[in-house]
PDB file of N, CA and C in Angstrom:
ATOM      1  N   LEU A   1      11.958 -38.623 -11.384  1.00  0.00           N
ATOM      2  CA  LEU A   1      10.576 -38.220 -11.585  1.00  0.00           C
ATOM      3  C   LEU A   1      10.247 -36.884 -10.905  1.00  0.00           C
ATOM      4  N   ASN A   2      10.951 -36.587  -9.828  1.00  0.00           N
ATOM      5  CA  ASN A   2      10.711 -35.329  -9.137  1.00  0.00           C
ATOM      6  C   ASN A   2      11.011 -34.135 -10.037  1.00  0.00           C
ATOM      7  N   GLY A   3      11.961 -34.325 -10.965  1.00  0.00           N
ATOM      8  CA  GLY A   3      12.293 -33.258 -11.906  1.00  0.00           C
ATOM      9  C   GLY A   3      11.169 -32.966 -12.877  1.00  0.00           C
ATOM     10  N   VAL A   4      10.255 -33.895 -13.030  1.00  0.00           N
ATOM     11  CA  VAL A   4       9.103 -33.702 -13.914  1.00  0.00           C
ATOM     12  C   VAL A   4       7.897 -33.213 -13.122  1.00  0.00           C
ATOM     13  N   PHE A   5       7.641 -33.859 -11.984  1.00  0.00           N
ATOM     14  CA  PHE A   5       6.424 -33.549 -11.230  1.00  0.00           C
ATOM     15  C   PHE A   5       6.506 -32.223 -10.475  1.00  0.00           C
ATOM     16  N   ALA A   6       7.671 -31.860  -9.990  1.00  0.00           N
ATOM     17  CA  ALA A   6       7.795 -30.600  -9.239  1.00  0.00           C
ATOM     18  C   ALA A   6       7.434 -29.393 -10.101  1.00  0.00           C
ATOM     19  N   PRO A   7       7.969 -29.283 -11.342  1.00  0.00           N
ATOM     20  CA  PRO A   7       7.549 -28.139 -12.173  1.00  0.00           C
ATOM     21  C   PRO A   7       6.067 -28.160 -12.527  1.00  0.00           C
ATOM     22  N   LEU A   8       5.520 -29.353 -12.785  1.00  0.00           N
ATOM     23  CA  LEU A   8       4.086 -29.443 -13.081  1.00  0.00           C
ATOM     24  C   LEU A   8       3.240 -29.016 -11.896  1.00  0.00           C
ATOM     25  N   GLN A   9       3.649 -29.436 -10.724  1.00  0.00           N
ATOM     26  CA  GLN A   9       2.939 -29.063  -9.508  1.00  0.00           C
ATOM     27  C   GLN A   9       2.998 -27.546  -9.312  1.00  0.00           C
ATOM     28  N   SER A  10       4.153 -26.964  -9.585  1.00  0.00           N
ATOM     29  CA  SER A  10       4.322 -25.513  -9.466  1.00  0.00           C
ATOM     30  C   SER A  10       3.436 -24.771 -10.458  1.00  0.00           C
ATOM     31  N   ILE A  11       3.369 -25.283 -11.679  1.00  0.00           N
ATOM     32  CA  ILE A  11       2.524 -24.655 -12.707  1.00  0.00           C
ATOM     33  C   ILE A  11       1.056 -24.688 -12.278  1.00  0.00           C
ATOM     34  N   LEU A  12       0.593 -25.832 -11.805  1.00  0.00           N
ATOM     35  CA  LEU A  12      -0.806 -25.940 -11.378  1.00  0.00           C
ATOM     36  C   LEU A  12      -1.110 -25.033 -10.195  1.00  0.00           C
ATOM     37  N   TYR A  13      -0.169 -24.946  -9.251  1.00  0.00           N
ATOM     38  CA  TYR A  13      -0.346 -24.077  -8.092  1.00  0.00           C
ATOM     39  C   TYR A  13      -0.453 -22.616  -8.535  1.00  0.00           C
ATOM     40  N   ASN A  14       0.449 -22.178  -9.414  1.00  0.00           N
ATOM     41  CA  ASN A  14       0.432 -20.790  -9.876  1.00  0.00           C
ATOM     42  C   ASN A  14      -0.796 -20.495 -10.726  1.00  0.00           C
ATOM     43  N   LYS A  15      -1.256 -21.484 -11.506  1.00  0.00           N
ATOM     44  CA  LYS A  15      -2.478 -21.295 -12.295  1.00  0.00           C
ATOM     45  C   LYS A  15      -3.663 -21.045 -11.366  1.00  0.00           C
ATOM     46  N   ASN A  16      -3.749 -21.782 -10.281  1.00  0.00           N
ATOM     47  CA  ASN A  16      -4.837 -21.579  -9.319  1.00  0.00           C
ATOM     48  C   ASN A  16      -4.747 -20.211  -8.656  1.00  0.00           C
ATOM     49  N   LEU A  17      -3.520 -19.753  -8.355  1.00  0.00           N
ATOM     50  CA  LEU A  17      -3.359 -18.411  -7.775  1.00  0.00           C
ATOM     51  C   LEU A  17      -3.843 -17.336  -8.737  1.00  0.00           C
ATOM     52  N   ILE A  18      -3.474 -17.467  -9.997  1.00  0.00           N
ATOM     53  CA  ILE A  18      -3.885 -16.485 -11.005  1.00  0.00           C
ATOM     54  C   ILE A  18      -5.404 -16.507 -11.163  1.00  0.00           C
ATOM     55  N   SER A  19      -5.992 -17.691 -11.221  1.00  0.00           N
ATOM     56  CA  SER A  19      -7.448 -17.796 -11.374  1.00  0.00           C
ATOM     57  C   SER A  19      -8.185 -17.160 -10.204  1.00  0.00           C
ATOM     58  N   SER A  20      -7.704 -17.383  -8.987  1.00  0.00           N
ATOM     59  CA  SER A  20      -8.380 -16.811  -7.824  1.00  0.00           C
ATOM     60  C   SER A  20      -8.157 -15.303  -7.750  1.00  0.00           C
ATOM     61  N   SER A  21      -7.056 -14.805  -8.267  1.00  0.00           N
ATOM     62  CA  SER A  21      -6.773 -13.367  -8.242  1.00  0.00           C
ATOM     63  C   SER A  21      -7.591 -12.611  -9.273  1.00  0.00           C
ATOM     64  N   LYS A  22      -7.984 -13.271 -10.354  1.00  0.00           N
ATOM     65  CA  LYS A  22      -8.717 -12.590 -11.420  1.00  0.00           C
ATOM     66  C   LYS A  22     -10.005 -11.961 -10.916  1.00  0.00           C
ATOM     67  N   SER A  23     -10.768 -12.674 -10.097  1.00  0.00           N
ATOM     68  CA  SER A  23     -12.022 -12.109  -9.603  1.00  0.00           C
ATOM     69  C   SER A  23     -11.758 -10.914  -8.686  1.00  0.00           C
ATOM     70  N   ILE A  24     -10.679 -10.960  -7.925  1.00  0.00           N
ATOM     71  CA  ILE A  24     -10.318  -9.829  -7.064  1.00  0.00           C
ATOM     72  C   ILE A  24      -9.955  -8.623  -7.917  1.00  0.00           C
ATOM     73  N   ILE A  25      -9.144  -8.833  -8.949  1.00  0.00           N
ATOM     74  CA  ILE A  25      -8.742  -7.743  -9.838  1.00  0.00           C
ATOM     75  C   ILE A  25      -9.954  -7.163 -10.548  1.00  0.00           C
ATOM     76  N   ASP A  26     -10.854  -8.027 -11.041  1.00  0.00           N
ATOM     77  CA  ASP A  26     -12.071  -7.544 -11.704  1.00  0.00           C
ATOM     78  C   ASP A  26     -12.911  -6.696 -10.754  1.00  0.00           C
ATOM     79  N   ASN A  27     -13.014  -7.122  -9.497  1.00  0.00           N
ATOM     80  CA  ASN A  27     -13.781  -6.381  -8.498  1.00  0.00           C
ATOM     81  C   ASN A  27     -13.159  -5.017  -8.241  1.00  0.00           C
ATOM     82  N   ILE A  28     -11.837  -4.962  -8.120  1.00  0.00           N
ATOM     83  CA  ILE A  28     -11.145  -3.693  -7.898  1.00  0.00           C
ATOM     84  C   ILE A  28     -11.378  -2.758  -9.073  1.00  0.00           C
ATOM     85  N   GLN A  29     -11.225  -3.269 -10.294  1.00  0.00           N
ATOM     86  CA  GLN A  29     -11.434  -2.430 -11.469  1.00  0.00           C
ATOM     87  C   GLN A  29     -12.865  -1.920 -11.531  1.00  0.00           C
ATOM     88  N   GLU A  30     -13.818  -2.765 -11.209  1.00  0.00           N
ATOM     89  CA  GLU A  30     -15.221  -2.354 -11.214  1.00  0.00           C
ATOM     90  C   GLU A  30     -15.464  -1.245 -10.197  1.00  0.00           C
ATOM     91  N   ASN A  31     -14.881  -1.382  -9.001  1.00  0.00           N
ATOM     92  CA  ASN A  31     -15.050  -0.373  -7.959  1.00  0.00           C
ATOM     93  C   ASN A  31     -14.384   0.941  -8.321  1.00  0.00           C
ATOM     94  N   LEU A  32     -13.292   0.894  -9.039  1.00  0.00           N
ATOM     95  CA  LEU A  32     -12.611   2.122  -9.422  1.00  0.00           C
ATOM     96  C   LEU A  32     -13.459   2.961 -10.371  1.00  0.00           C
ATOM     97  N   TYR A  33     -14.325   2.320 -11.156  1.00  0.00           N
ATOM     98  CA  TYR A  33     -15.134   3.049 -12.119  1.00  0.00           C
ATOM     99  C   TYR A  33     -16.445   3.557 -11.541  1.00  0.00           C
ATOM    100  N   GLU A  34     -16.828   3.051 -10.383  1.00  0.00           N
ATOM    101  CA  GLU A  34     -18.075   3.498  -9.778  1.00  0.00           C
ATOM    102  C   GLU A  34     -17.850   4.817  -9.050  1.00  0.00           C
ATOM    103  N   THR A  35     -18.843   5.656  -9.064  1.00  0.00           N
ATOM    104  CA  THR A  35     -18.817   6.885  -8.284  1.00  0.00           C
ATOM    105  C   THR A  35     -20.110   6.970  -7.502  1.00  0.00           C
ATOM    106  N   ASN A  36     -20.215   7.966  -6.665  1.00  0.00           N
ATOM    107  CA  ASN A  36     -21.451   8.160  -5.914  1.00  0.00           C
ATOM    108  C   ASN A  36     -22.597   8.591  -6.826  1.00  0.00           C
ATOM    109  N   HIS A  37     -22.275   9.093  -8.015  1.00  0.00           N
ATOM    110  CA  HIS A  37     -23.298   9.631  -8.908  1.00  0.00           C
ATOM    111  C   HIS A  37     -23.478   8.795 -10.167  1.00  0.00           C
ATOM    112  N   GLY A  38     -22.906   7.640 -10.229  1.00  0.00           N
ATOM    113  CA  GLY A  38     -23.053   6.821 -11.428  1.00  0.00           C
ATOM    114  C   GLY A  38     -21.829   5.964 -11.648  1.00  0.00           C
ATOM    115  N   THR A  39     -21.583   5.655 -12.900  1.00  0.00           N
ATOM    116  CA  THR A  39     -20.480   4.764 -13.239  1.00  0.00           C
ATOM    117  C   THR A  39     -19.666   5.385 -14.358  1.00  0.00           C
ATOM    118  N   PHE A  40     -18.345   5.301 -14.243  1.00  0.00           N
ATOM    119  CA  PHE A  40     -17.495   5.673 -15.360  1.00  0.00           C
ATOM    120  C   PHE A  40     -17.627   4.595 -16.425  1.00  0.00           C
ATOM    121  N   HIS A  41     -17.491   4.969 -17.658  1.00  0.00           N
ATOM    122  CA  HIS A  41     -17.511   3.982 -18.724  1.00  0.00           C
ATOM    123  C   HIS A  41     -16.104   3.443 -18.901  1.00  0.00           C
ATOM    124  N   LYS A  42     -15.983   2.133 -18.877  1.00  0.00           N
ATOM    125  CA  LYS A  42     -14.663   1.519 -18.984  1.00  0.00           C
ATOM    126  C   LYS A  42     -14.003   1.814 -20.324  1.00  0.00           C
ATOM    127  N   THR A  43     -14.771   2.243 -21.306  1.00  0.00           N
ATOM    128  CA  THR A  43     -14.196   2.531 -22.613  1.00  0.00           C
ATOM    129  C   THR A  43     -13.542   3.904 -22.640  1.00  0.00           C
ATOM    130  N   SER A  44     -13.853   4.775 -21.687  1.00  0.00           N
ATOM    131  CA  SER A  44     -13.245   6.093 -21.681  1.00  0.00           C
ATOM    132  C   SER A  44     -11.800   5.995 -21.211  1.00  0.00           C
ATOM    133  N   THR A  45     -10.965   6.824 -21.795  1.00  0.00           N
ATOM    134  CA  THR A  45      -9.551   6.809 -21.445  1.00  0.00           C
ATOM    135  C   THR A  45      -9.065   8.215 -21.167  1.00  0.00           C
ATOM    136  N   ILE A  46      -7.970   8.291 -20.459  1.00  0.00           N
ATOM    137  CA  ILE A  46      -7.326   9.565 -20.173  1.00  0.00           C
ATOM    138  C   ILE A  46      -5.942   9.510 -20.794  1.00  0.00           C
ATOM    139  N   ASP A  47      -5.571  10.517 -21.552  1.00  0.00           N
ATOM    140  CA  ASP A  47      -4.240  10.573 -22.137  1.00  0.00           C
ATOM    141  C   ASP A  47      -3.257  11.022 -21.063  1.00  0.00           C
ATOM    142  N   CYS A  48      -2.515  10.079 -20.515  1.00  0.00           N
ATOM    143  CA  CYS A  48      -1.613  10.356 -19.398  1.00  0.00           C
ATOM    144  C   CYS A  48      -0.224  10.796 -19.853  1.00  0.00           C
ATOM    145  N   ASP A  49       0.034  10.778 -21.154  1.00  0.00           N
ATOM    146  CA  ASP A  49       1.368  11.125 -21.645  1.00  0.00           C
ATOM    147  C   ASP A  49       1.780  12.544 -21.256  1.00  0.00           C
ATOM    148  N   ASN A  50       0.823  13.459 -21.237  1.00  0.00           N
ATOM    149  CA  ASN A  50       1.143  14.857 -20.939  1.00  0.00           C
ATOM    150  C   ASN A  50       0.973  15.216 -19.469  1.00  0.00           C
ATOM    151  N   ILE A  51       0.611  14.254 -18.634  1.00  0.00           N
ATOM    152  CA  ILE A  51       0.421  14.514 -17.206  1.00  0.00           C
ATOM    153  C   ILE A  51       1.678  14.089 -16.462  1.00  0.00           C
ATOM    154  N   SER A  52       2.323  15.021 -15.791  1.00  0.00           N
ATOM    155  CA  SER A  52       3.537  14.681 -15.037  1.00  0.00           C
ATOM    156  C   SER A  52       3.287  14.674 -13.539  1.00  0.00           C
ATOM    157  N   THR A  53       2.236  15.370 -13.107  1.00  0.00           N
ATOM    158  CA  THR A  53       1.941  15.473 -11.681  1.00  0.00           C
ATOM    159  C   THR A  53       0.438  15.567 -11.478  1.00  0.00           C
ATOM    160  N   ILE A  54      -0.035  14.913 -10.426  1.00  0.00           N
ATOM    161  CA  ILE A  54      -1.414  15.102  -9.974  1.00  0.00           C
ATOM    162  C   ILE A  54      -1.314  15.712  -8.587  1.00  0.00           C
ATOM    163  N   SER A  55      -1.829  16.926  -8.449  1.00  0.00           N
ATOM    164  CA  SER A  55      -1.750  17.643  -7.180  1.00  0.00           C
ATOM    165  C   SER A  55      -3.125  17.744  -6.537  1.00  0.00           C
ATOM    166  N   ILE A  56      -3.145  17.486  -5.258  1.00  0.00           N
ATOM    167  CA  ILE A  56      -4.362  17.654  -4.458  1.00  0.00           C
ATOM    168  C   ILE A  56      -4.019  18.702  -3.414  1.00  0.00           C
ATOM    169  N   SER A  57      -4.847  19.721  -3.334  1.00  0.00           N
ATOM    170  CA  SER A  57      -4.561  20.810  -2.402  1.00  0.00           C
ATOM    171  C   SER A  57      -5.788  21.126  -1.562  1.00  0.00           C
ATOM    172  N   GLN A  58      -5.642  20.984  -0.258  1.00  0.00           N
ATOM    173  CA  GLN A  58      -6.679  21.350   0.701  1.00  0.00           C
ATOM    174  C   GLN A  58      -8.010  20.658   0.411  1.00  0.00           C
ATOM    175  N   LEU A  59      -7.970  19.372   0.092  1.00  0.00           N
ATOM    176  CA  LEU A  59      -9.177  18.607  -0.209  1.00  0.00           C
ATOM    177  C   LEU A  59     -10.019  18.429   1.049  1.00  0.00           C
ATOM    178  N   TYR A  60     -11.280  18.770   0.920  1.00  0.00           N
ATOM    179  CA  TYR A  60     -12.253  18.512   1.981  1.00  0.00           C
ATOM    180  C   TYR A  60     -13.338  17.646   1.364  1.00  0.00           C
ATOM    181  N   TYR A  61     -13.637  16.513   1.985  1.00  0.00           N
ATOM    182  CA  TYR A  61     -14.675  15.629   1.470  1.00  0.00           C
ATOM    183  C   TYR A  61     -15.408  14.999   2.644  1.00  0.00           C
ATOM    184  N   GLU A  62     -16.713  15.116   2.594  1.00  0.00           N
ATOM    185  CA  GLU A  62     -17.571  14.579   3.643  1.00  0.00           C
ATOM    186  C   GLU A  62     -18.648  13.732   2.987  1.00  0.00           C
ATOM    187  N   ILE A  63     -18.928  12.580   3.575  1.00  0.00           N
ATOM    188  CA  ILE A  63     -19.987  11.716   3.065  1.00  0.00           C
ATOM    189  C   ILE A  63     -20.770  11.178   4.254  1.00  0.00           C
ATOM    190  N   GLU A  64     -22.077  11.283   4.165  1.00  0.00           N
ATOM    191  CA  GLU A  64     -22.982  10.814   5.227  1.00  0.00           C
ATOM    192  C   GLU A  64     -22.575  11.362   6.595  1.00  0.00           C
ATOM    193  N   ASN A  65     -22.359  12.657   6.660  1.00  0.00           N
ATOM    194  CA  ASN A  65     -21.975  13.365   7.892  1.00  0.00           C
ATOM    195  C   ASN A  65     -20.672  12.864   8.500  1.00  0.00           C
ATOM    196  N   ARG A  66     -19.819  12.299   7.678  1.00  0.00           N
ATOM    197  CA  ARG A  66     -18.522  11.809   8.136  1.00  0.00           C
ATOM    198  C   ARG A  66     -17.429  12.434   7.279  1.00  0.00           C
ATOM    199  N   ILE A  67     -16.506  13.122   7.908  1.00  0.00           N
ATOM    200  CA  ILE A  67     -15.423  13.781   7.182  1.00  0.00           C
ATOM    201  C   ILE A  67     -14.342  12.756   6.867  1.00  0.00           C
ATOM    202  N   LEU A  68     -14.083  12.554   5.557  1.00  0.00           N
ATOM    203  CA  LEU A  68     -13.018  11.645   5.143  1.00  0.00           C
ATOM    204  C   LEU A  68     -11.707  12.389   4.921  1.00  0.00           C
ATOM    205  N   PHE A  69     -11.795  13.586   4.364  1.00  0.00           N
ATOM    206  CA  PHE A  69     -10.604  14.387   4.096  1.00  0.00           C
ATOM    207  C   PHE A  69     -10.846  15.808   4.574  1.00  0.00           C
ATOM    208  N   ASP A  70      -9.935  16.313   5.359  1.00  0.00           N
ATOM    209  CA  ASP A  70     -10.035  17.671   5.888  1.00  0.00           C
ATOM    210  C   ASP A  70      -8.689  18.354   5.682  1.00  0.00           C
ATOM    211  N   HIS A  71      -8.615  19.216   4.676  1.00  0.00           N
ATOM    212  CA  HIS A  71      -7.382  19.929   4.308  1.00  0.00           C
ATOM    213  C   HIS A  71      -6.284  18.959   3.882  1.00  0.00           C
ATOM    214  N   PHE A  72      -6.652  17.919   3.130  1.00  0.00           N
ATOM    215  CA  PHE A  72      -5.697  16.924   2.644  1.00  0.00           C
ATOM    216  C   PHE A  72      -4.985  17.468   1.410  1.00  0.00           C
ATOM    217  N   SER A  73      -3.675  17.418   1.426  1.00  0.00           N
ATOM    218  CA  SER A  73      -2.872  17.849   0.282  1.00  0.00           C
ATOM    219  C   SER A  73      -1.819  16.791  -0.009  1.00  0.00           C
ATOM    220  N   TYR A  74      -1.593  16.542  -1.299  1.00  0.00           N
ATOM    221  CA  TYR A  74      -0.558  15.591  -1.692  1.00  0.00           C
ATOM    222  C   TYR A  74      -0.242  15.799  -3.167  1.00  0.00           C
ATOM    223  N   GLU A  75       0.949  15.383  -3.561  1.00  0.00           N
ATOM    224  CA  GLU A  75       1.358  15.492  -4.953  1.00  0.00           C
ATOM    225  C   GLU A  75       1.882  14.136  -5.424  1.00  0.00           C
ATOM    226  N   PHE A  76       1.248  13.600  -6.462  1.00  0.00           N
ATOM    227  CA  PHE A  76       1.653  12.344  -7.065  1.00  0.00           C
ATOM    228  C   PHE A  76       2.468  12.668  -8.312  1.00  0.00           C
ATOM    229  N   LYS A  77       3.668  12.122  -8.413  1.00  0.00           N
ATOM    230  CA  LYS A  77       4.542  12.403  -9.556  1.00  0.00           C
ATOM    231  C   LYS A  77       4.613  11.192 -10.479  1.00  0.00           C
ATOM    232  N   LYS A  78       4.624  11.482 -11.777  1.00  0.00           N
ATOM    233  CA  LYS A  78       4.688  10.443 -12.799  1.00  0.00           C
ATOM    234  C   LYS A  78       5.972   9.623 -12.631  1.00  0.00           C
ATOM    235  N   GLY A  79       5.827   8.323 -12.796  1.00  0.00           N
ATOM    236  CA  GLY A  79       6.975   7.433 -12.725  1.00  0.00           C
ATOM    237  C   GLY A  79       7.245   6.874 -11.338  1.00  0.00           C
ATOM    238  N   LYS A  80       6.587   7.417 -10.325  1.00  0.00           N
ATOM    239  CA  LYS A  80       6.758   6.918  -8.960  1.00  0.00           C
ATOM    240  C   LYS A  80       5.604   5.986  -8.629  1.00  0.00           C
ATOM    241  N   ARG A  81       5.821   5.131  -7.646  1.00  0.00           N
ATOM    242  CA  ARG A  81       4.778   4.204  -7.203  1.00  0.00           C
ATOM    243  C   ARG A  81       4.298   4.626  -5.824  1.00  0.00           C
ATOM    244  N   TYR A  82       3.006   4.495  -5.628  1.00  0.00           N
ATOM    245  CA  TYR A  82       2.405   4.894  -4.369  1.00  0.00           C
ATOM    246  C   TYR A  82       1.494   3.785  -3.867  1.00  0.00           C
ATOM    247  N   ALA A  83       1.428   3.637  -2.569  1.00  0.00           N
ATOM    248  CA  ALA A  83       0.489   2.704  -1.941  1.00  0.00           C
ATOM    249  C   ALA A  83      -0.432   3.526  -1.048  1.00  0.00           C
ATOM    250  N   ILE A  84      -1.706   3.388  -1.283  1.00  0.00           N
ATOM    251  CA  ILE A  84      -2.692   4.057  -0.446  1.00  0.00           C
ATOM    252  C   ILE A  84      -3.170   3.009   0.551  1.00  0.00           C
ATOM    253  N   ILE A  85      -2.773   3.171   1.796  1.00  0.00           N
ATOM    254  CA  ILE A  85      -3.083   2.162   2.808  1.00  0.00           C
ATOM    255  C   ILE A  85      -3.906   2.772   3.930  1.00  0.00           C
ATOM    256  N   GLY A  86      -4.646   1.940   4.586  1.00  0.00           N
ATOM    257  CA  GLY A  86      -5.453   2.383   5.716  1.00  0.00           C
ATOM    258  C   GLY A  86      -6.513   1.348   6.024  1.00  0.00           C
ATOM    259  N   ALA A  87      -7.143   1.523   7.144  1.00  0.00           N
ATOM    260  CA  ALA A  87      -8.191   0.594   7.568  1.00  0.00           C
ATOM    261  C   ALA A  87      -9.403   0.715   6.654  1.00  0.00           C
ATOM    262  N   SER A  88     -10.255  -0.271   6.709  1.00  0.00           N
ATOM    263  CA  SER A  88     -11.470  -0.274   5.925  1.00  0.00           C
ATOM    264  C   SER A  88     -12.330   0.944   6.276  1.00  0.00           C
ATOM    265  N   GLY A  89     -12.825   1.621   5.239  1.00  0.00           N
ATOM    266  CA  GLY A  89     -13.719   2.752   5.462  1.00  0.00           C
ATOM    267  C   GLY A  89     -13.037   4.076   5.716  1.00  0.00           C
ATOM    268  N   THR A  90     -11.719   4.152   5.508  1.00  0.00           N
ATOM    269  CA  THR A  90     -11.007   5.405   5.785  1.00  0.00           C
ATOM    270  C   THR A  90     -10.839   6.294   4.561  1.00  0.00           C
ATOM    271  N   GLY A  91     -11.351   5.865   3.393  1.00  0.00           N
ATOM    272  CA  GLY A  91     -11.357   6.740   2.229  1.00  0.00           C
ATOM    273  C   GLY A  91     -10.367   6.401   1.131  1.00  0.00           C
ATOM    274  N   LYS A  92      -9.756   5.242   1.159  1.00  0.00           N
ATOM    275  CA  LYS A  92      -8.782   4.882   0.124  1.00  0.00           C
ATOM    276  C   LYS A  92      -9.422   4.856  -1.260  1.00  0.00           C
ATOM    277  N   THR A  93     -10.506   4.112  -1.401  1.00  0.00           N
ATOM    278  CA  THR A  93     -11.184   4.014  -2.690  1.00  0.00           C
ATOM    279  C   THR A  93     -11.801   5.352  -3.068  1.00  0.00           C
ATOM    280  N   THR A  94     -12.331   6.059  -2.095  1.00  0.00           N
ATOM    281  CA  THR A  94     -12.916   7.373  -2.364  1.00  0.00           C
ATOM    282  C   THR A  94     -11.870   8.324  -2.921  1.00  0.00           C
ATOM    283  N   LEU A  95     -10.665   8.292  -2.381  1.00  0.00           N
ATOM    284  CA  LEU A  95      -9.591   9.151  -2.886  1.00  0.00           C
ATOM    285  C   LEU A  95      -9.299   8.840  -4.350  1.00  0.00           C
ATOM    286  N   VAL A  96      -9.195   7.563  -4.692  1.00  0.00           N
ATOM    287  CA  VAL A  96      -8.932   7.183  -6.086  1.00  0.00           C
ATOM    288  C   VAL A  96     -10.082   7.628  -6.976  1.00  0.00           C
ATOM    289  N   LYS A  97     -11.309   7.446  -6.515  1.00  0.00           N
ATOM    290  CA  LYS A  97     -12.466   7.882  -7.301  1.00  0.00           C
ATOM    291  C   LYS A  97     -12.465   9.389  -7.516  1.00  0.00           C
ATOM    292  N   LEU A  98     -12.109  10.139  -6.487  1.00  0.00           N
ATOM    293  CA  LEU A  98     -12.058  11.592  -6.621  1.00  0.00           C
ATOM    294  C   LEU A  98     -10.977  12.021  -7.616  1.00  0.00           C
ATOM    295  N   ILE A  99      -9.856  11.336  -7.603  1.00  0.00           N
ATOM    296  CA  ILE A  99      -8.780  11.643  -8.551  1.00  0.00           C
ATOM    297  C   ILE A  99      -9.239  11.337  -9.973  1.00  0.00           C
ATOM    298  N   LEU A 100      -9.906  10.201 -10.161  1.00  0.00           N
ATOM    299  CA  LEU A 100     -10.362   9.820 -11.502  1.00  0.00           C
ATOM    300  C   LEU A 100     -11.504  10.697 -12.000  1.00  0.00           C
ATOM    301  N   ASN A 101     -12.247  11.265 -11.079  1.00  0.00           N
ATOM    302  CA  ASN A 101     -13.376  12.100 -11.453  1.00  0.00           C
ATOM    303  C   ASN A 101     -12.864  13.460 -11.811  1.00  0.00           C
TER     304      ASN A 101
END
């Protein structure tokens, strides 16, 4: 019987993980489209086929008298994976919003 119940238990466990992750993913997607000046329309798309690199050079960004980026430069290359990590409030989401804008 363990051969039957163990896979079923695993399926139910993974279904619950997926269900709980959906709201987190929806929240992230919603935040990515928001800007300080409004909201991006989720129906708009960017043709990424012709983009091989996204370059940021000497970015300066200040919000509410707080400097988030001061002479920040970086180059993102197509096909590579990147993780933007940092403590809460250090500008991770703002950086993504600035790139999308």
